[in-house]
Amino acid sequence: MPVKKPFLTYKDQILKLRNEKGLVINDEAHAINILTQIGYFSLINGYKTPFKDKATGCYIKGTSFEDIENLYYFDEALRELFFKYLLKVEQKLKSHISYYFSQEHGNSMDAYTSLYKYDFQNPEKVPDIFRLLGEINRVITTNFYTENLNHYIVNHENIPLWVLSRKLTFGNISKMLDMLPVTLQTKISKNYPNLTSTSQLSAIISMLVLFRNTCAHNDRLYNYKSNKGKLPSLRIHSELGLIRLSNGNYLQGKQDLFAVTIALRYLLEDNSFSCFFNSLKSIIQNHPDNTVFPKTALIKNMGFPVNWQDIAVLPVK
């Protein structure tokens, strides 16, 4: 039988970190206050790894509670920034899908809940289309009595896609994009002039969904790597001179946070990307450096190459 871990008071947690793990606690009252706000698991378990000696399980000599705390707040700032601009990407895609679908099929909800308005002639997609339709119906049922949807049901006996899209998740709308006929996908992708194909847009959105959910669930972001979605190889990868692996894939900018930064360069309007990029630079510049986990190592963990700031000026198309 596995041994259950005993309950530890905040004071006990501090003693364990100091006496058993060798973490420097400069201000015990401050450390306890932070633990009450964030929690031991979210703070320590979430951000201890780069500061620990794998052989001993203890902290590398000189590591302080503040080092872990600073990394947590750095990651929190990243989550808030990336989430803000991923929401812009999500909203823009919802707007385009709603517009072009309704232009083609009208505003009736019978259209977007019908198998035949999607790429049903592709047998490989039919199971996914049915799953998408099931999810759409679930969203309608779940939100039936919310103010916006109920108003349209009561007064119009219909919920247009441009209304329902507000309740669909980024994942839902990503799947809808994939299931649409090629003609509609092409119309939508033309609103992203830096991309050269609908397949590029689809792959990018699929990857961004994973990072958007990581931000929304308050999970660790700085070194997160998507295990499914992958950024397609784009011109900016070669322009930055990124290193390729033996199988032809790039070592950076494919499944990491730098891949999201590249994606935003392609999907955001120039002024929005400029605001995002300046905020990102500020977050990185303001993060305090330390000898145990220096900023150079932190940036590398994020998937950022040494010349990452060139992304703002290099051509993407």
Foldseek 3Di string as FASTA:
>chain_A
DDDDDDDDQLVRVVCCLCPVQPAAEPDSVVSSVVCVVQNCCCQCVQQVVLQADPVRRHGDPPHHSVVSVLLLVLQLLVLVLLLVLLVVLLVLLLVLLLVLLCVVPNFAPCQLLDPVQWVVVPVVCSVVSVVLSVVLVVLCVVCVPPDQNVCCCVPPVGDGSSSSSVSDALVSSLSRLVGHPLVSLVSSCVVQVLDDGSVQVSLLSVLSSVQSVCSVVSHGAQQDFDPPGWHDDFPVCVVVVFDADPVGHGPFLIGFQLVSLLSCLRRPDLVVNVVSLVSNVVSLVPRDADDSCGSVNSCVSRRADPPNVCSSPDRGD
